[in-house]
Amino acid sequence: MNVKIVLGLFVASITLFFINSAAQAECKELLLGSAISLTGKYATNGIHTKNGYDFAIQKIKEAGGVNFGDECYNFSVIYYDDESKGDRGAILAERLINQDNVQYMLGPYSSGLTKAIAPVTEKYRIPMVEAEGASRSLFNQGYRYLFAVLSTSEQYLASAIALAAEKAEETGMAASHVKVAVAVGNDPFSLDIRAGVLEDASKYGMQVAVDEQLPRDLSDMSAILTKVKLLKPDVLIVSGYSKGAATAVRQIEEQNVKVPMIAMTHCESADVVGNFGEAANDILCSTQWAET
């Protein structure tokens, strides 16, 4: 290659490096805050959430920041561990706003914790962007500073009911003859799942054979599965975050529960395929996006 060309490319690359460095240096910084579950029952998902925030912020920085008008901005975040407790999250939100002087908040993990923090951000008029609080009860309170980037929870498994109706009719069975079993946790997200499923089942005239609440610690649903085996529903719906999903897949296998259609939430965060292998086959799982 011609020496002049090599030198030209070298000078051009160095110039671009310094231009980009200068652009980075000129970017202002917006301080964000987040009370997130790094310990406690939501720790697995809370850490996933934090990793997602950090990944996005790094990508934005690598791209040269975000432009608003004539200004360029990068982001930094102060994190505190809410210990998977709503009251702790609310206290930390006050601390982030009043002591750390954050300009914006990133949401916690779960609808319950988002519900605990939202009144605080509303009080101080601090915008909170969240991606992990899907309960529709969050969005009928008239909050003006809460912004979400996900579908609401009652939509998560409603499509499973529509699919069950479709498959029943394909086999010559009326959708109204489909029997549904529901087992969900006692939390805003899972209760919304239940409401959405029961609402859709009612539209088709389906029978609700089992409607049970998962135990508080989500570690044993054997009594519910015994009832499922006895009543033989056509569809089993489960929602209990990651721990509930893992418990369901494990105990369905252990108790040899046979249901034509099983649908649940949080399969990905529970890594049911990696942890349970073939036992996870044929389980329908909700997701916010499809990998491409």
C-alpha atoms as a PDB file:
ATOM      1  CA  MET A   1       0.000   0.000   0.000  1.00  0.00           C
ATOM      2  CA  ASN A   2       1.226   3.516  -0.768  1.00  0.00           C
ATOM      3  CA  VAL A   3       2.935   5.106   2.258  1.00  0.00           C
ATOM      4  CA  LYS A   4       0.959   8.329   1.771  1.00  0.00           C
ATOM      5  CA  ILE A   5      -2.307   6.377   1.865  1.00  0.00           C
ATOM      6  CA  VAL A   6      -1.252   4.585   5.068  1.00  0.00           C
ATOM      7  CA  LEU A   7      -0.290   7.873   6.695  1.00  0.00           C
ATOM      8  CA  GLY A   8      -3.544   9.435   5.500  1.00  0.00           C
ATOM      9  CA  LEU A   9      -5.610   6.646   7.026  1.00  0.00           C
ATOM     10  CA  PHE A  10      -3.619   6.871  10.246  1.00  0.00           C
ATOM     11  CA  VAL A  11      -4.121  10.640  10.511  1.00  0.00           C
ATOM     12  CA  ALA A  12      -7.830  10.239   9.713  1.00  0.00           C
ATOM     13  CA  SER A  13      -8.294   7.594  12.388  1.00  0.00           C
ATOM     14  CA  ILE A  14      -6.443   9.667  14.977  1.00  0.00           C
ATOM     15  CA  THR A  15      -8.530  12.712  14.042  1.00  0.00           C
ATOM     16  CA  LEU A  16     -11.777  10.760  14.426  1.00  0.00           C
ATOM     17  CA  PHE A  17     -10.579   9.430  17.764  1.00  0.00           C
ATOM     18  CA  PHE A  18      -9.974  12.918  19.106  1.00  0.00           C
ATOM     19  CA  ILE A  19     -13.221  14.244  17.628  1.00  0.00           C
ATOM     20  CA  ASN A  20     -15.162  11.451  19.344  1.00  0.00           C
ATOM     21  CA  SER A  21     -13.205  11.985  22.553  1.00  0.00           C
ATOM     22  CA  ALA A  22     -13.967  15.683  22.418  1.00  0.00           C
ATOM     23  CA  ALA A  23     -17.637  14.936  21.811  1.00  0.00           C
ATOM     24  CA  GLN A  24     -17.649  12.612  24.822  1.00  0.00           C
ATOM     25  CA  ALA A  25     -15.949  15.260  26.924  1.00  0.00           C
ATOM     26  CA  GLU A  26     -18.519  17.873  25.881  1.00  0.00           C
ATOM     27  CA  CYS A  27     -21.487  15.707  26.857  1.00  0.00           C
ATOM     28  CA  LYS A  28     -23.203  16.683  30.060  1.00  0.00           C
ATOM     29  CA  GLU A  29     -24.135  14.016  32.576  1.00  0.00           C
ATOM     30  CA  LEU A  30     -27.602  13.228  33.847  1.00  0.00           C
ATOM     31  CA  LEU A  31     -27.707  11.564  37.248  1.00  0.00           C
ATOM     32  CA  LEU A  32     -30.198   8.718  37.554  1.00  0.00           C
ATOM     33  CA  GLY A  33     -31.215   6.761  40.635  1.00  0.00           C
ATOM     34  CA  SER A  34     -32.612   3.307  41.182  1.00  0.00           C
ATOM     35  CA  ALA A  35     -33.708   1.294  44.202  1.00  0.00           C
ATOM     36  CA  ILE A  36     -33.348  -2.229  42.850  1.00  0.00           C
ATOM     37  CA  SER A  37     -33.561  -5.744  44.308  1.00  0.00           C
ATOM     38  CA  LEU A  38     -30.002  -7.052  44.683  1.00  0.00           C
ATOM     39  CA  THR A  39     -30.939  -9.300  47.594  1.00  0.00           C
ATOM     40  CA  GLY A  40     -34.167 -10.952  48.713  1.00  0.00           C
ATOM     41  CA  LYS A  41     -36.758 -12.895  46.728  1.00  0.00           C
ATOM     42  CA  TYR A  42     -36.512 -10.698  43.627  1.00  0.00           C
ATOM     43  CA  ALA A  43     -32.704 -10.647  43.526  1.00  0.00           C
ATOM     44  CA  THR A  44     -32.316 -12.730  40.345  1.00  0.00           C
ATOM     45  CA  ASN A  45     -34.619 -10.478  38.352  1.00  0.00           C
ATOM     46  CA  GLY A  46     -33.376  -7.346  40.071  1.00  0.00           C
ATOM     47  CA  ILE A  47     -29.809  -8.104  39.001  1.00  0.00           C
ATOM     48  CA  HIS A  48     -31.030  -8.781  35.452  1.00  0.00           C
ATOM     49  CA  THR A  49     -32.752  -5.391  35.523  1.00  0.00           C
ATOM     50  CA  LYS A  50     -29.632  -3.604  36.766  1.00  0.00           C
ATOM     51  CA  ASN A  51     -27.551  -5.331  34.093  1.00  0.00           C
ATOM     52  CA  GLY A  52     -29.996  -4.125  31.460  1.00  0.00           C
ATOM     53  CA  TYR A  53     -29.776  -0.541  32.697  1.00  0.00           C
ATOM     54  CA  ASP A  54     -25.971  -0.671  32.762  1.00  0.00           C
ATOM     55  CA  PHE A  55     -25.832  -2.208  29.284  1.00  0.00           C
ATOM     56  CA  ALA A  56     -28.047   0.514  27.818  1.00  0.00           C
ATOM     57  CA  ILE A  57     -26.071   3.304  29.470  1.00  0.00           C
ATOM     58  CA  GLN A  58     -22.783   1.893  28.183  1.00  0.00           C
ATOM     59  CA  LYS A  59     -24.152   1.565  24.647  1.00  0.00           C
ATOM     60  CA  ILE A  60     -25.407   5.155  24.747  1.00  0.00           C
ATOM     61  CA  LYS A  61     -21.991   6.341  25.892  1.00  0.00           C
ATOM     62  CA  GLU A  62     -20.237   4.376  23.153  1.00  0.00           C
ATOM     63  CA  ALA A  63     -22.556   5.946  20.589  1.00  0.00           C
ATOM     64  CA  GLY A  64     -21.574   9.437  21.682  1.00  0.00           C
ATOM     65  CA  GLY A  65     -24.397  10.198  24.082  1.00  0.00           C
ATOM     66  CA  VAL A  66     -27.955  11.357  23.513  1.00  0.00           C
ATOM     67  CA  ASN A  67     -28.745  14.702  21.923  1.00  0.00           C
ATOM     68  CA  PHE A  68     -31.506  16.935  23.267  1.00  0.00           C
ATOM     69  CA  GLY A  69     -31.654  20.122  21.285  1.00  0.00           C
ATOM     70  CA  ASP A  70     -28.122  21.479  21.123  1.00  0.00           C
ATOM     71  CA  GLU A  71     -26.881  19.546  24.137  1.00  0.00           C
ATOM     72  CA  CYS A  72     -25.332  16.080  24.423  1.00  0.00           C
ATOM     73  CA  TYR A  73     -25.918  13.903  27.485  1.00  0.00           C
ATOM     74  CA  ASN A  74     -24.550  10.718  29.015  1.00  0.00           C
ATOM     75  CA  PHE A  75     -25.928   8.971  32.082  1.00  0.00           C
ATOM     76  CA  SER A  76     -24.692   7.684  35.403  1.00  0.00           C
ATOM     77  CA  VAL A  77     -26.702   5.765  38.008  1.00  0.00           C
ATOM     78  CA  ILE A  78     -26.712   5.524  41.778  1.00  0.00           C
ATOM     79  CA  TYR A  79     -28.061   2.136  42.879  1.00  0.00           C
ATOM     80  CA  TYR A  80     -29.305   1.077  46.290  1.00  0.00           C
ATOM     81  CA  ASP A  81     -30.497  -2.395  47.279  1.00  0.00           C
ATOM     82  CA  ASP A  82     -34.188  -2.341  48.207  1.00  0.00           C
ATOM     83  CA  GLU A  83     -33.853  -5.900  49.585  1.00  0.00           C
ATOM     84  CA  SER A  84     -37.033  -6.839  47.668  1.00  0.00           C
ATOM     85  CA  LYS A  85     -39.096  -4.791  50.163  1.00  0.00           C
ATOM     86  CA  GLY A  86     -41.535  -2.086  49.131  1.00  0.00           C
ATOM     87  CA  ASP A  87     -41.144   0.063  52.253  1.00  0.00           C
ATOM     88  CA  ARG A  88     -37.367  -0.080  51.873  1.00  0.00           C
ATOM     89  CA  GLY A  89     -37.696   0.955  48.216  1.00  0.00           C
ATOM     90  CA  ALA A  90     -39.808   3.985  49.128  1.00  0.00           C
ATOM     91  CA  ILE A  91     -37.267   5.116  51.751  1.00  0.00           C
ATOM     92  CA  LEU A  92     -34.423   4.735  49.262  1.00  0.00           C
ATOM     93  CA  ALA A  93     -36.340   6.700  46.626  1.00  0.00           C
ATOM     94  CA  GLU A  94     -36.628   9.581  49.127  1.00  0.00           C
ATOM     95  CA  ARG A  95     -32.887   9.333  49.777  1.00  0.00           C
ATOM     96  CA  LEU A  96     -31.996   9.313  46.080  1.00  0.00           C
ATOM     97  CA  ILE A  97     -34.140  12.379  45.399  1.00  0.00           C
ATOM     98  CA  ASN A  98     -33.450  14.467  48.512  1.00  0.00           C
ATOM     99  CA  GLN A  99     -29.863  13.541  49.382  1.00  0.00           C
ATOM    100  CA  ASP A 100     -28.287  12.320  46.138  1.00  0.00           C
ATOM    101  CA  ASN A 101     -30.203  14.841  44.023  1.00  0.00           C
ATOM    102  CA  VAL A 102     -30.939  12.447  41.168  1.00  0.00           C
ATOM    103  CA  GLN A 103     -32.729  14.022  38.229  1.00  0.00           C
ATOM    104  CA  TYR A 104     -34.602  10.931  37.061  1.00  0.00           C
ATOM    105  CA  MET A 105     -35.443   7.503  38.475  1.00  0.00           C
ATOM    106  CA  LEU A 106     -35.181   4.061  36.915  1.00  0.00           C
ATOM    107  CA  GLY A 107     -37.849   1.666  38.118  1.00  0.00           C
ATOM    108  CA  PRO A 108     -37.372  -1.279  40.495  1.00  0.00           C
ATOM    109  CA  TYR A 109     -38.207  -4.903  39.782  1.00  0.00           C
ATOM    110  CA  SER A 110     -41.829  -6.027  40.193  1.00  0.00           C
ATOM    111  CA  SER A 111     -45.186  -4.302  40.209  1.00  0.00           C
ATOM    112  CA  GLY A 112     -45.362  -4.285  44.005  1.00  0.00           C
ATOM    113  CA  LEU A 113     -42.110  -2.383  44.432  1.00  0.00           C
ATOM    114  CA  THR A 114     -42.965  -0.001  41.593  1.00  0.00           C
ATOM    115  CA  LYS A 115     -46.274   0.672  43.328  1.00  0.00           C
ATOM    116  CA  ALA A 116     -44.374   1.514  46.538  1.00  0.00           C
ATOM    117  CA  ILE A 117     -42.011   3.975  44.834  1.00  0.00           C
ATOM    118  CA  ALA A 118     -44.412   5.692  42.416  1.00  0.00           C
ATOM    119  CA  PRO A 119     -46.072   7.908  45.066  1.00  0.00           C
ATOM    120  CA  VAL A 120     -42.625   9.197  46.052  1.00  0.00           C
ATOM    121  CA  THR A 121     -41.583  10.146  42.521  1.00  0.00           C
ATOM    122  CA  GLU A 122     -44.999  11.736  41.969  1.00  0.00           C
ATOM    123  CA  LYS A 123     -44.662  13.791  45.140  1.00  0.00           C
ATOM    124  CA  TYR A 124     -41.338  15.247  44.029  1.00  0.00           C
ATOM    125  CA  ARG A 125     -42.253  15.379  40.319  1.00  0.00           C
ATOM    126  CA  ILE A 126     -39.313  13.183  39.370  1.00  0.00           C
ATOM    127  CA  PRO A 127     -39.909  11.166  36.170  1.00  0.00           C
ATOM    128  CA  MET A 128     -39.508   7.416  36.647  1.00  0.00           C
ATOM    129  CA  VAL A 129     -39.015   5.157  33.639  1.00  0.00           C
ATOM    130  CA  GLU A 130     -39.706   1.525  34.441  1.00  0.00           C
ATOM    131  CA  ALA A 131     -39.716  -1.760  32.567  1.00  0.00           C
ATOM    132  CA  GLU A 132     -40.577  -4.278  35.286  1.00  0.00           C
ATOM    133  CA  GLY A 133     -43.864  -3.114  36.814  1.00  0.00           C
ATOM    134  CA  ALA A 134     -46.651  -4.412  34.580  1.00  0.00           C
ATOM    135  CA  SER A 135     -49.694  -4.425  36.876  1.00  0.00           C
ATOM    136  CA  ARG A 136     -52.520  -2.438  35.316  1.00  0.00           C
ATOM    137  CA  SER A 137     -53.254  -1.030  38.781  1.00  0.00           C
ATOM    138  CA  LEU A 138     -50.161   1.145  38.275  1.00  0.00           C
ATOM    139  CA  PHE A 139     -51.711   2.850  35.296  1.00  0.00           C
ATOM    140  CA  ASN A 140     -55.147   3.787  36.577  1.00  0.00           C
ATOM    141  CA  GLN A 141     -53.918   6.008  39.416  1.00  0.00           C
ATOM    142  CA  GLY A 142     -53.462   9.119  37.298  1.00  0.00           C
ATOM    143  CA  TYR A 143     -49.679   9.163  37.772  1.00  0.00           C
ATOM    144  CA  ARG A 144     -48.069  11.857  35.609  1.00  0.00           C
ATOM    145  CA  TYR A 145     -44.397  11.007  36.211  1.00  0.00           C
ATOM    146  CA  LEU A 146     -44.498   7.249  35.630  1.00  0.00           C
ATOM    147  CA  PHE A 147     -43.427   5.956  32.215  1.00  0.00           C
ATOM    148  CA  ALA A 148     -43.427   2.269  31.285  1.00  0.00           C
ATOM    149  CA  VAL A 149     -41.990   0.393  28.314  1.00  0.00           C
ATOM    150  CA  LEU A 150     -43.871  -2.915  28.563  1.00  0.00           C
ATOM    151  CA  SER A 151     -47.335  -4.356  28.116  1.00  0.00           C
ATOM    152  CA  THR A 152     -49.582  -4.604  31.147  1.00  0.00           C
ATOM    153  CA  SER A 153     -49.746  -7.905  32.968  1.00  0.00           C
ATOM    154  CA  GLU A 154     -53.306  -8.940  32.174  1.00  0.00           C
ATOM    155  CA  GLN A 155     -52.169  -9.370  28.546  1.00  0.00           C
ATOM    156  CA  TYR A 156     -49.300 -11.754  29.345  1.00  0.00           C
ATOM    157  CA  LEU A 157     -51.154 -15.079  29.255  1.00  0.00           C
ATOM    158  CA  ALA A 158     -54.529 -14.100  27.807  1.00  0.00           C
ATOM    159  CA  SER A 159     -53.328 -15.354  24.420  1.00  0.00           C
ATOM    160  CA  ALA A 160     -53.011 -18.846  25.935  1.00  0.00           C
ATOM    161  CA  ILE A 161     -56.779 -18.881  26.465  1.00  0.00           C
ATOM    162  CA  ALA A 162     -57.387 -17.821  22.870  1.00  0.00           C
ATOM    163  CA  LEU A 163     -55.031 -20.559  21.684  1.00  0.00           C
ATOM    164  CA  ALA A 164     -56.802 -23.158  23.833  1.00  0.00           C
ATOM    165  CA  ALA A 165     -60.133 -22.144  22.304  1.00  0.00           C
ATOM    166  CA  GLU A 166     -58.683 -22.338  18.802  1.00  0.00           C
ATOM    167  CA  LYS A 167     -57.170 -25.794  19.362  1.00  0.00           C
ATOM    168  CA  ALA A 168     -60.366 -27.100  20.951  1.00  0.00           C
ATOM    169  CA  GLU A 169     -62.424 -26.047  17.965  1.00  0.00           C
ATOM    170  CA  GLU A 170     -59.904 -27.653  15.608  1.00  0.00           C
ATOM    171  CA  THR A 171     -60.583 -30.988  17.316  1.00  0.00           C
ATOM    172  CA  GLY A 172     -64.354 -30.517  17.189  1.00  0.00           C
ATOM    173  CA  MET A 173     -64.762 -29.556  20.858  1.00  0.00           C
ATOM    174  CA  ALA A 174     -66.608 -26.390  21.770  1.00  0.00           C
ATOM    175  CA  ALA A 175     -64.448 -23.772  23.477  1.00  0.00           C
ATOM    176  CA  SER A 176     -67.033 -23.642  26.273  1.00  0.00           C
ATOM    177  CA  HIS A 177     -66.102 -27.213  27.209  1.00  0.00           C
ATOM    178  CA  VAL A 178     -62.470 -26.285  27.928  1.00  0.00           C
ATOM    179  CA  LYS A 179     -61.576 -26.516  31.618  1.00  0.00           C
ATOM    180  CA  VAL A 180     -59.045 -24.039  33.007  1.00  0.00           C
ATOM    181  CA  ALA A 181     -56.859 -24.243  36.125  1.00  0.00           C
ATOM    182  CA  VAL A 182     -55.263 -21.093  37.544  1.00  0.00           C
ATOM    183  CA  ALA A 183     -52.538 -20.959  40.206  1.00  0.00           C
ATOM    184  CA  VAL A 184     -51.008 -17.550  40.916  1.00  0.00           C
ATOM    185  CA  GLY A 185     -49.111 -15.713  43.621  1.00  0.00           C
ATOM    186  CA  ASN A 186     -50.677 -13.107  45.896  1.00  0.00           C
ATOM    187  CA  ASP A 187     -48.977 -10.103  44.289  1.00  0.00           C
ATOM    188  CA  PRO A 188     -50.288  -7.324  42.022  1.00  0.00           C
ATOM    189  CA  PHE A 189     -48.666  -8.728  38.869  1.00  0.00           C
ATOM    190  CA  SER A 190     -49.914 -12.300  39.326  1.00  0.00           C
ATOM    191  CA  LEU A 191     -53.382 -11.178  40.396  1.00  0.00           C
ATOM    192  CA  ASP A 192     -53.598  -9.176  37.168  1.00  0.00           C
ATOM    193  CA  ILE A 193     -52.555 -12.305  35.263  1.00  0.00           C
ATOM    194  CA  ARG A 194     -55.415 -14.142  36.955  1.00  0.00           C
ATOM    195  CA  ALA A 195     -57.901 -11.369  36.161  1.00  0.00           C
ATOM    196  CA  GLY A 196     -56.912 -11.330  32.492  1.00  0.00           C
ATOM    197  CA  VAL A 197     -57.104 -15.121  32.163  1.00  0.00           C
ATOM    198  CA  LEU A 198     -60.475 -15.379  33.911  1.00  0.00           C
ATOM    199  CA  GLU A 199     -61.864 -12.522  31.847  1.00  0.00           C
ATOM    200  CA  ASP A 200     -60.839 -14.197  28.589  1.00  0.00           C
ATOM    201  CA  ALA A 201     -62.001 -17.626  29.761  1.00  0.00           C
ATOM    202  CA  SER A 202     -65.388 -16.098  30.556  1.00  0.00           C
ATOM    203  CA  LYS A 203     -65.677 -14.701  27.029  1.00  0.00           C
ATOM    204  CA  TYR A 204     -65.420 -18.235  25.677  1.00  0.00           C
ATOM    205  CA  GLY A 205     -67.689 -19.675  28.355  1.00  0.00           C
ATOM    206  CA  MET A 206     -64.872 -21.898  29.649  1.00  0.00           C
ATOM    207  CA  GLN A 207     -65.124 -23.678  32.978  1.00  0.00           C
ATOM    208  CA  VAL A 208     -62.713 -22.688  35.758  1.00  0.00           C
ATOM    209  CA  ALA A 209     -61.949 -26.006  37.437  1.00  0.00           C
ATOM    210  CA  VAL A 210     -59.152 -24.761  39.720  1.00  0.00           C
ATOM    211  CA  ASP A 211     -58.570 -21.236  40.999  1.00  0.00           C
ATOM    212  CA  GLU A 212     -55.875 -21.315  43.674  1.00  0.00           C
ATOM    213  CA  GLN A 213     -53.313 -19.027  45.254  1.00  0.00           C
ATOM    214  CA  LEU A 214     -49.705 -20.185  45.410  1.00  0.00           C
ATOM    215  CA  PRO A 215     -48.141 -20.468  48.890  1.00  0.00           C
ATOM    216  CA  ARG A 216     -46.393 -17.358  50.140  1.00  0.00           C
ATOM    217  CA  ASP A 217     -42.831 -18.662  49.744  1.00  0.00           C
ATOM    218  CA  LEU A 218     -43.585 -20.166  46.293  1.00  0.00           C
ATOM    219  CA  SER A 219     -41.596 -23.292  47.176  1.00  0.00           C
ATOM    220  CA  ASP A 220     -44.334 -25.949  47.195  1.00  0.00           C
ATOM    221  CA  MET A 221     -47.441 -26.198  45.035  1.00  0.00           C
ATOM    222  CA  SER A 222     -47.907 -29.950  45.418  1.00  0.00           C
ATOM    223  CA  ALA A 223     -51.380 -29.600  47.011  1.00  0.00           C
ATOM    224  CA  ILE A 224     -52.557 -27.520  44.053  1.00  0.00           C
ATOM    225  CA  LEU A 225     -51.091 -30.004  41.580  1.00  0.00           C
ATOM    226  CA  THR A 226     -52.851 -32.864  43.364  1.00  0.00           C
ATOM    227  CA  LYS A 227     -56.137 -31.056  42.757  1.00  0.00           C
ATOM    228  CA  VAL A 228     -55.126 -30.476  39.114  1.00  0.00           C
ATOM    229  CA  LYS A 229     -54.474 -34.196  38.652  1.00  0.00           C
ATOM    230  CA  LEU A 230     -57.870 -34.988  40.161  1.00  0.00           C
ATOM    231  CA  LEU A 231     -59.921 -32.487  38.130  1.00  0.00           C
ATOM    232  CA  LYS A 232     -58.015 -32.921  34.836  1.00  0.00           C
ATOM    233  CA  PRO A 233     -58.199 -29.404  33.334  1.00  0.00           C
ATOM    234  CA  ASP A 234     -57.287 -28.741  29.710  1.00  0.00           C
ATOM    235  CA  VAL A 235     -55.213 -25.647  30.525  1.00  0.00           C
ATOM    236  CA  LEU A 236     -53.002 -24.826  33.526  1.00  0.00           C
ATOM    237  CA  ILE A 237     -51.954 -21.202  34.091  1.00  0.00           C
ATOM    238  CA  VAL A 238     -49.165 -20.420  36.598  1.00  0.00           C
ATOM    239  CA  SER A 239     -47.752 -17.054  37.667  1.00  0.00           C
ATOM    240  CA  GLY A 240     -45.375 -16.715  40.602  1.00  0.00           C
ATOM    241  CA  TYR A 241     -42.287 -14.909  39.337  1.00  0.00           C
ATOM    242  CA  SER A 242     -39.063 -16.874  38.783  1.00  0.00           C
ATOM    243  CA  LYS A 243     -39.306 -18.998  41.916  1.00  0.00           C
ATOM    244  CA  GLY A 244     -42.893 -19.934  41.156  1.00  0.00           C
ATOM    245  CA  ALA A 245     -42.006 -20.919  37.594  1.00  0.00           C
ATOM    246  CA  ALA A 246     -39.132 -23.105  38.778  1.00  0.00           C
ATOM    247  CA  THR A 247     -41.291 -24.748  41.446  1.00  0.00           C
ATOM    248  CA  ALA A 248     -44.075 -25.410  38.944  1.00  0.00           C
ATOM    249  CA  VAL A 249     -41.851 -27.047  36.323  1.00  0.00           C
ATOM    250  CA  ARG A 250     -40.039 -29.173  38.913  1.00  0.00           C
ATOM    251  CA  GLN A 251     -43.146 -30.388  40.717  1.00  0.00           C
ATOM    252  CA  ILE A 252     -45.199 -30.962  37.565  1.00  0.00           C
ATOM    253  CA  GLU A 253     -42.439 -33.377  36.544  1.00  0.00           C
ATOM    254  CA  GLU A 254     -42.118 -34.941  40.004  1.00  0.00           C
ATOM    255  CA  GLN A 255     -45.858 -35.521  40.343  1.00  0.00           C
ATOM    256  CA  ASN A 256     -46.274 -36.609  36.733  1.00  0.00           C
ATOM    257  CA  VAL A 257     -49.012 -34.044  36.129  1.00  0.00           C
ATOM    258  CA  LYS A 258     -50.400 -34.286  32.613  1.00  0.00           C
ATOM    259  CA  VAL A 259     -52.217 -31.215  31.267  1.00  0.00           C
ATOM    260  CA  PRO A 260     -52.651 -30.671  27.506  1.00  0.00           C
ATOM    261  CA  MET A 261     -51.606 -27.015  27.750  1.00  0.00           C
ATOM    262  CA  ILE A 262     -49.443 -25.365  30.427  1.00  0.00           C
ATOM    263  CA  ALA A 263     -48.635 -21.651  30.294  1.00  0.00           C
ATOM    264  CA  MET A 264     -46.654 -19.585  32.780  1.00  0.00           C
ATOM    265  CA  THR A 265     -44.677 -16.398  33.284  1.00  0.00           C
ATOM    266  CA  HIS A 266     -40.963 -15.909  34.051  1.00  0.00           C
ATOM    267  CA  CYS A 267     -39.652 -18.975  32.237  1.00  0.00           C
ATOM    268  CA  GLU A 268     -36.642 -17.028  30.947  1.00  0.00           C
ATOM    269  CA  SER A 269     -35.495 -15.570  34.251  1.00  0.00           C
ATOM    270  CA  ALA A 270     -36.044 -18.953  35.928  1.00  0.00           C
ATOM    271  CA  ASP A 271     -34.085 -20.570  33.061  1.00  0.00           C
ATOM    272  CA  VAL A 272     -36.471 -23.516  33.054  1.00  0.00           C
ATOM    273  CA  VAL A 273     -34.852 -25.027  29.963  1.00  0.00           C
ATOM    274  CA  GLY A 274     -31.333 -24.839  31.400  1.00  0.00           C
ATOM    275  CA  ASN A 275     -32.380 -26.018  34.858  1.00  0.00           C
ATOM    276  CA  PHE A 276     -34.977 -28.648  34.006  1.00  0.00           C
ATOM    277  CA  GLY A 277     -34.207 -29.757  30.449  1.00  0.00           C
ATOM    278  CA  GLU A 278     -36.900 -31.924  28.885  1.00  0.00           C
ATOM    279  CA  ALA A 279     -39.272 -31.276  31.778  1.00  0.00           C
ATOM    280  CA  ALA A 280     -39.740 -27.776  30.346  1.00  0.00           C
ATOM    281  CA  ASN A 281     -40.789 -29.064  26.924  1.00  0.00           C
ATOM    282  CA  ASP A 282     -44.218 -27.961  25.655  1.00  0.00           C
ATOM    283  CA  ILE A 283     -44.643 -25.240  28.294  1.00  0.00           C
ATOM    284  CA  LEU A 284     -45.863 -21.949  26.831  1.00  0.00           C
ATOM    285  CA  CYS A 285     -44.086 -18.889  28.197  1.00  0.00           C
ATOM    286  CA  SER A 286     -44.904 -15.216  27.860  1.00  0.00           C
ATOM    287  CA  THR A 287     -42.228 -12.777  26.741  1.00  0.00           C
ATOM    288  CA  GLN A 288     -42.040  -9.076  25.941  1.00  0.00           C
ATOM    289  CA  TRP A 289     -40.094  -9.619  22.738  1.00  0.00           C
ATOM    290  CA  ALA A 290     -38.878 -12.292  20.343  1.00  0.00           C
ATOM    291  CA  GLU A 291     -35.190 -12.829  19.659  1.00  0.00           C
ATOM    292  CA  THR A 292     -34.173 -12.120  16.062  1.00  0.00           C
END
